[in-house]
């Protein structure tokens, strides 16, 4: 018999950086007020009966994850496969200052293009798929705290769709709840993002 389990996908709270800055592996701080987001997320995680919290190793995720795991009484597991894409020499630069030619090459071939010194879309896809395979095999109600890149792929996988590297990102501080089928590889997505407002 098919069995399903909930997976709550969460993007970290907004960061303390000017708009338009490229950052992936760069360690950036969260904006003040993120604690309220974590408190709201803990209510969602408990409502979904999440038992484990998988987090990216980035400080902006770990900081939230540690508070969230304590509040919702989840086991915390740090997984490097949930790290944001490595943008190499683009890190810390304004998107407007990055070569238009390189950006066009990326848009034309997001799977195989890699920013200078950075990571290709294929690499990101492979590690994200490997993580998702393990989550489905475990079939444990889970919360996943990560970044725009991995989450756009995970959202598609959880919904039983084909991931697209250039699909729109989940907004910072938002969550999506899925019901994932353990044996059929299908997902049922709740009809909308779940914004978590800071108190």
C-alpha atoms as a PDB file:
ATOM      1  CA  UNK A   1       0.000   0.000   0.000  1.00  0.00           C
ATOM      2  CA  UNK A   2       1.234   3.486  -0.830  1.00  0.00           C
ATOM      3  CA  UNK A   3       2.336   5.489   2.152  1.00  0.00           C
ATOM      4  CA  UNK A   4       2.888   9.221   2.329  1.00  0.00           C
ATOM      5  CA  UNK A   5       4.663  11.559   4.701  1.00  0.00           C
ATOM      6  CA  UNK A   6       4.877  15.358   5.016  1.00  0.00           C
ATOM      7  CA  UNK A   7       7.915  17.389   3.969  1.00  0.00           C
ATOM      8  CA  UNK A   8       8.109  21.076   4.863  1.00  0.00           C
ATOM      9  CA  UNK A   9      10.538  22.958   2.600  1.00  0.00           C
ATOM     10  CA  UNK A  10      11.770  26.236   4.104  1.00  0.00           C
ATOM     11  CA  UNK A  11      13.991  29.012   2.763  1.00  0.00           C
ATOM     12  CA  UNK A  12      16.048  30.869   5.333  1.00  0.00           C
ATOM     13  CA  UNK A  13      14.963  34.296   6.562  1.00  0.00           C
ATOM     14  CA  UNK A  14      15.974  37.461   4.663  1.00  0.00           C
ATOM     15  CA  UNK A  15      19.657  38.336   4.824  1.00  0.00           C
ATOM     16  CA  UNK A  16      21.503  41.518   5.700  1.00  0.00           C
ATOM     17  CA  UNK A  17      22.719  42.368   2.193  1.00  0.00           C
ATOM     18  CA  UNK A  18      21.784  45.061  -0.327  1.00  0.00           C
ATOM     19  CA  UNK A  19      19.391  44.019  -3.088  1.00  0.00           C
ATOM     20  CA  UNK A  20      21.049  42.692  -6.241  1.00  0.00           C
ATOM     21  CA  UNK A  21      24.155  41.126  -4.686  1.00  0.00           C
ATOM     22  CA  UNK A  22      25.142  37.641  -5.856  1.00  0.00           C
ATOM     23  CA  UNK A  23      25.848  35.321  -2.966  1.00  0.00           C
ATOM     24  CA  UNK A  24      25.823  31.563  -2.654  1.00  0.00           C
ATOM     25  CA  UNK A  25      28.519  30.091  -0.453  1.00  0.00           C
ATOM     26  CA  UNK A  26      29.306  33.528   0.967  1.00  0.00           C
ATOM     27  CA  UNK A  27      28.506  33.663   4.675  1.00  0.00           C
ATOM     28  CA  UNK A  28      25.988  36.450   5.248  1.00  0.00           C
ATOM     29  CA  UNK A  29      24.048  37.433   8.365  1.00  0.00           C
ATOM     30  CA  UNK A  30      20.290  37.257   8.803  1.00  0.00           C
ATOM     31  CA  UNK A  31      18.284  40.464   9.143  1.00  0.00           C
ATOM     32  CA  UNK A  32      17.050  41.272  12.637  1.00  0.00           C
ATOM     33  CA  UNK A  33      13.690  39.676  13.374  1.00  0.00           C
ATOM     34  CA  UNK A  34      14.524  36.213  12.074  1.00  0.00           C
ATOM     35  CA  UNK A  35      13.725  34.735  15.502  1.00  0.00           C
ATOM     36  CA  UNK A  36      10.039  35.501  14.930  1.00  0.00           C
ATOM     37  CA  UNK A  37      10.170  33.604  11.638  1.00  0.00           C
ATOM     38  CA  UNK A  38      11.726  30.624  13.381  1.00  0.00           C
ATOM     39  CA  UNK A  39       8.972  30.696  16.009  1.00  0.00           C
ATOM     40  CA  UNK A  40       6.291  30.687  13.307  1.00  0.00           C
ATOM     41  CA  UNK A  41       8.031  27.860  11.472  1.00  0.00           C
ATOM     42  CA  UNK A  42       8.151  25.776  14.629  1.00  0.00           C
ATOM     43  CA  UNK A  43       4.338  25.899  14.761  1.00  0.00           C
ATOM     44  CA  UNK A  44       4.151  24.731  11.120  1.00  0.00           C
ATOM     45  CA  UNK A  45       6.690  21.960  11.706  1.00  0.00           C
ATOM     46  CA  UNK A  46       4.843  20.696  14.752  1.00  0.00           C
ATOM     47  CA  UNK A  47       1.547  20.825  12.885  1.00  0.00           C
ATOM     48  CA  UNK A  48       3.070  18.687  10.127  1.00  0.00           C
ATOM     49  CA  UNK A  49       4.500  16.293  12.763  1.00  0.00           C
ATOM     50  CA  UNK A  50       8.042  16.784  11.421  1.00  0.00           C
ATOM     51  CA  UNK A  51      10.525  14.615  13.293  1.00  0.00           C
ATOM     52  CA  UNK A  52      13.805  15.563  11.618  1.00  0.00           C
ATOM     53  CA  UNK A  53      15.203  18.882  10.389  1.00  0.00           C
ATOM     54  CA  UNK A  54      17.741  18.796   7.574  1.00  0.00           C
ATOM     55  CA  UNK A  55      19.730  22.018   7.201  1.00  0.00           C
ATOM     56  CA  UNK A  56      22.322  23.544   4.932  1.00  0.00           C
ATOM     57  CA  UNK A  57      25.658  24.095   6.706  1.00  0.00           C
ATOM     58  CA  UNK A  58      25.567  27.856   5.959  1.00  0.00           C
ATOM     59  CA  UNK A  59      25.402  29.987   9.109  1.00  0.00           C
ATOM     60  CA  UNK A  60      22.218  31.716   7.901  1.00  0.00           C
ATOM     61  CA  UNK A  61      20.514  28.318   7.852  1.00  0.00           C
ATOM     62  CA  UNK A  62      22.192  26.698  10.861  1.00  0.00           C
ATOM     63  CA  UNK A  63      21.306  29.609  13.109  1.00  0.00           C
ATOM     64  CA  UNK A  64      17.622  29.240  12.262  1.00  0.00           C
ATOM     65  CA  UNK A  65      17.782  25.449  12.270  1.00  0.00           C
ATOM     66  CA  UNK A  66      19.197  25.196  15.783  1.00  0.00           C
ATOM     67  CA  UNK A  67      16.425  27.395  17.189  1.00  0.00           C
ATOM     68  CA  UNK A  68      13.738  25.679  15.129  1.00  0.00           C
ATOM     69  CA  UNK A  69      14.868  22.171  16.054  1.00  0.00           C
ATOM     70  CA  UNK A  70      14.794  23.002  19.765  1.00  0.00           C
ATOM     71  CA  UNK A  71      11.377  24.669  19.589  1.00  0.00           C
ATOM     72  CA  UNK A  72       9.745  21.892  17.537  1.00  0.00           C
ATOM     73  CA  UNK A  73      11.699  19.055  19.190  1.00  0.00           C
ATOM     74  CA  UNK A  74      13.154  17.774  15.911  1.00  0.00           C
ATOM     75  CA  UNK A  75      16.407  15.925  15.382  1.00  0.00           C
ATOM     76  CA  UNK A  76      18.812  18.277  13.574  1.00  0.00           C
ATOM     77  CA  UNK A  77      20.964  16.954  10.740  1.00  0.00           C
ATOM     78  CA  UNK A  78      23.360  19.237   8.839  1.00  0.00           C
ATOM     79  CA  UNK A  79      23.682  18.102   5.233  1.00  0.00           C
ATOM     80  CA  UNK A  80      26.267  19.710   2.910  1.00  0.00           C
ATOM     81  CA  UNK A  81      24.180  18.699  -0.119  1.00  0.00           C
ATOM     82  CA  UNK A  82      21.729  21.453   0.874  1.00  0.00           C
ATOM     83  CA  UNK A  83      24.333  24.220   0.443  1.00  0.00           C
ATOM     84  CA  UNK A  84      23.557  26.990  -2.032  1.00  0.00           C
ATOM     85  CA  UNK A  85      25.159  26.905  -5.463  1.00  0.00           C
ATOM     86  CA  UNK A  86      28.785  28.037  -5.517  1.00  0.00           C
ATOM     87  CA  UNK A  87      28.966  31.128  -7.732  1.00  0.00           C
ATOM     88  CA  UNK A  88      32.773  31.278  -7.682  1.00  0.00           C
ATOM     89  CA  UNK A  89      34.131  34.656  -8.790  1.00  0.00           C
ATOM     90  CA  UNK A  90      30.615  36.095  -8.925  1.00  0.00           C
ATOM     91  CA  UNK A  91      30.223  35.854  -5.152  1.00  0.00           C
ATOM     92  CA  UNK A  92      29.743  39.221  -3.458  1.00  0.00           C
ATOM     93  CA  UNK A  93      29.339  41.134  -6.718  1.00  0.00           C
ATOM     94  CA  UNK A  94      26.273  43.001  -7.906  1.00  0.00           C
ATOM     95  CA  UNK A  95      24.455  41.107 -10.645  1.00  0.00           C
ATOM     96  CA  UNK A  96      24.630  44.255 -12.825  1.00  0.00           C
ATOM     97  CA  UNK A  97      28.442  44.139 -12.658  1.00  0.00           C
ATOM     98  CA  UNK A  98      28.711  40.545 -13.895  1.00  0.00           C
ATOM     99  CA  UNK A  99      29.528  39.967 -17.560  1.00  0.00           C
ATOM    100  CA  UNK A 100      26.341  40.019 -19.649  1.00  0.00           C
ATOM    101  CA  UNK A 101      27.959  37.475 -21.980  1.00  0.00           C
ATOM    102  CA  UNK A 102      28.499  35.052 -19.105  1.00  0.00           C
ATOM    103  CA  UNK A 103      24.972  35.559 -17.799  1.00  0.00           C
ATOM    104  CA  UNK A 104      23.587  34.862 -21.282  1.00  0.00           C
ATOM    105  CA  UNK A 105      25.703  31.684 -21.492  1.00  0.00           C
ATOM    106  CA  UNK A 106      24.292  30.591 -18.133  1.00  0.00           C
ATOM    107  CA  UNK A 107      20.700  31.261 -19.244  1.00  0.00           C
ATOM    108  CA  UNK A 108      21.291  29.336 -22.487  1.00  0.00           C
ATOM    109  CA  UNK A 109      22.802  26.290 -20.779  1.00  0.00           C
ATOM    110  CA  UNK A 110      22.111  26.305 -17.008  1.00  0.00           C
ATOM    111  CA  UNK A 111      22.955  22.607 -16.666  1.00  0.00           C
ATOM    112  CA  UNK A 112      26.520  22.666 -17.924  1.00  0.00           C
ATOM    113  CA  UNK A 113      27.573  26.304 -17.474  1.00  0.00           C
ATOM    114  CA  UNK A 114      29.522  27.162 -14.326  1.00  0.00           C
ATOM    115  CA  UNK A 115      30.502  30.666 -13.170  1.00  0.00           C
ATOM    116  CA  UNK A 116      34.306  31.112 -13.170  1.00  0.00           C
ATOM    117  CA  UNK A 117      35.611  29.060 -10.260  1.00  0.00           C
ATOM    118  CA  UNK A 118      32.061  28.010  -9.350  1.00  0.00           C
ATOM    119  CA  UNK A 119      29.633  25.139  -9.640  1.00  0.00           C
ATOM    120  CA  UNK A 120      27.601  23.927 -12.594  1.00  0.00           C
ATOM    121  CA  UNK A 121      23.864  23.406 -12.541  1.00  0.00           C
ATOM    122  CA  UNK A 122      24.510  19.713 -13.123  1.00  0.00           C
ATOM    123  CA  UNK A 123      26.504  19.475  -9.903  1.00  0.00           C
ATOM    124  CA  UNK A 124      23.752  21.239  -7.962  1.00  0.00           C
ATOM    125  CA  UNK A 125      21.121  18.956  -9.499  1.00  0.00           C
ATOM    126  CA  UNK A 126      23.045  15.772  -8.757  1.00  0.00           C
ATOM    127  CA  UNK A 127      23.606  16.524  -5.075  1.00  0.00           C
ATOM    128  CA  UNK A 128      20.022  17.751  -4.621  1.00  0.00           C
ATOM    129  CA  UNK A 129      18.611  14.608  -6.243  1.00  0.00           C
ATOM    130  CA  UNK A 130      20.856  12.426  -4.057  1.00  0.00           C
ATOM    131  CA  UNK A 131      19.571  14.199  -0.939  1.00  0.00           C
ATOM    132  CA  UNK A 132      15.946  13.827  -2.048  1.00  0.00           C
ATOM    133  CA  UNK A 133      16.442  10.117  -2.734  1.00  0.00           C
ATOM    134  CA  UNK A 134      17.632   9.652   0.850  1.00  0.00           C
ATOM    135  CA  UNK A 135      14.690  11.645   2.255  1.00  0.00           C
ATOM    136  CA  UNK A 136      12.212   9.498   0.330  1.00  0.00           C
ATOM    137  CA  UNK A 137      13.930   6.297   1.394  1.00  0.00           C
ATOM    138  CA  UNK A 138      13.763   7.340   5.039  1.00  0.00           C
ATOM    139  CA  UNK A 139      10.069   8.290   4.663  1.00  0.00           C
ATOM    140  CA  UNK A 140      10.181  10.274   7.925  1.00  0.00           C
ATOM    141  CA  UNK A 141       8.154  13.499   8.331  1.00  0.00           C
ATOM    142  CA  UNK A 142      10.786  16.154   7.728  1.00  0.00           C
ATOM    143  CA  UNK A 143      11.577  19.842   7.532  1.00  0.00           C
ATOM    144  CA  UNK A 144      14.263  20.995   5.075  1.00  0.00           C
ATOM    145  CA  UNK A 145      15.931  24.388   5.605  1.00  0.00           C
ATOM    146  CA  UNK A 146      17.966  25.544   2.639  1.00  0.00           C
ATOM    147  CA  UNK A 147      18.475  28.127  -0.126  1.00  0.00           C
ATOM    148  CA  UNK A 148      16.855  29.274  -3.357  1.00  0.00           C
ATOM    149  CA  UNK A 149      18.867  26.968  -5.643  1.00  0.00           C
ATOM    150  CA  UNK A 150      18.362  23.611  -3.908  1.00  0.00           C
ATOM    151  CA  UNK A 151      14.773  24.481  -2.931  1.00  0.00           C
ATOM    152  CA  UNK A 152      13.614  25.206  -6.487  1.00  0.00           C
ATOM    153  CA  UNK A 153      14.759  21.700  -7.418  1.00  0.00           C
ATOM    154  CA  UNK A 154      13.376  20.077  -4.271  1.00  0.00           C
ATOM    155  CA  UNK A 155      10.001  21.767  -4.764  1.00  0.00           C
ATOM    156  CA  UNK A 156       9.693  20.203  -8.213  1.00  0.00           C
ATOM    157  CA  UNK A 157      10.854  16.784  -7.027  1.00  0.00           C
ATOM    158  CA  UNK A 158       8.431  16.845  -4.102  1.00  0.00           C
ATOM    159  CA  UNK A 159       5.593  17.712  -6.476  1.00  0.00           C
ATOM    160  CA  UNK A 160       6.541  14.927  -8.890  1.00  0.00           C
ATOM    161  CA  UNK A 161       7.617  17.407 -11.571  1.00  0.00           C
ATOM    162  CA  UNK A 162      10.767  17.859 -13.643  1.00  0.00           C
ATOM    163  CA  UNK A 163      13.166  20.269 -11.886  1.00  0.00           C
ATOM    164  CA  UNK A 164      14.135  23.442 -13.742  1.00  0.00           C
ATOM    165  CA  UNK A 165      17.326  25.220 -12.756  1.00  0.00           C
ATOM    166  CA  UNK A 166      16.015  28.658 -13.750  1.00  0.00           C
ATOM    167  CA  UNK A 167      12.544  28.326 -12.212  1.00  0.00           C
ATOM    168  CA  UNK A 168      11.528  31.128  -9.805  1.00  0.00           C
ATOM    169  CA  UNK A 169      12.953  30.808  -6.295  1.00  0.00           C
ATOM    170  CA  UNK A 170      10.890  30.462  -3.160  1.00  0.00           C
ATOM    171  CA  UNK A 171      10.971  33.836  -1.365  1.00  0.00           C
ATOM    172  CA  UNK A 172      13.172  34.161   1.712  1.00  0.00           C
ATOM    173  CA  UNK A 173      11.289  33.334   4.885  1.00  0.00           C
ATOM    174  CA  UNK A 174       8.642  31.247   3.083  1.00  0.00           C
ATOM    175  CA  UNK A 175       7.761  27.564   3.373  1.00  0.00           C
ATOM    176  CA  UNK A 176       6.009  24.973   1.208  1.00  0.00           C
ATOM    177  CA  UNK A 177       4.330  21.896   2.586  1.00  0.00           C
ATOM    178  CA  UNK A 178       4.195  18.695   0.512  1.00  0.00           C
ATOM    179  CA  UNK A 179       2.691  15.274   1.009  1.00  0.00           C
ATOM    180  CA  UNK A 180       5.218  12.872  -0.489  1.00  0.00           C
ATOM    181  CA  UNK A 181       4.428   9.335  -1.568  1.00  0.00           C
ATOM    182  CA  UNK A 182       7.094   6.924  -0.382  1.00  0.00           C
ATOM    183  CA  UNK A 183       6.784   4.236  -3.041  1.00  0.00           C
ATOM    184  CA  UNK A 184       5.253   5.917  -6.083  1.00  0.00           C
ATOM    185  CA  UNK A 185       7.632   8.855  -6.248  1.00  0.00           C
ATOM    186  CA  UNK A 186       4.738  11.305  -6.467  1.00  0.00           C
ATOM    187  CA  UNK A 187       4.086  14.411  -4.440  1.00  0.00           C
ATOM    188  CA  UNK A 188       1.007  16.462  -3.702  1.00  0.00           C
ATOM    189  CA  UNK A 189       1.760  20.125  -3.206  1.00  0.00           C
ATOM    190  CA  UNK A 190      -0.314  22.418  -1.056  1.00  0.00           C
ATOM    191  CA  UNK A 191      -1.744  25.131  -3.322  1.00  0.00           C
ATOM    192  CA  UNK A 192       0.414  28.037  -2.115  1.00  0.00           C
ATOM    193  CA  UNK A 193       3.529  29.173  -0.342  1.00  0.00           C
ATOM    194  CA  UNK A 194       3.224  29.558   3.396  1.00  0.00           C
ATOM    195  CA  UNK A 195       4.585  32.968   4.465  1.00  0.00           C
ATOM    196  CA  UNK A 196       5.813  33.017   8.025  1.00  0.00           C
ATOM    197  CA  UNK A 197       5.522  36.506   9.494  1.00  0.00           C
ATOM    198  CA  UNK A 198       7.832  37.651  12.235  1.00  0.00           C
ATOM    199  CA  UNK A 199       6.110  38.576  15.464  1.00  0.00           C
END
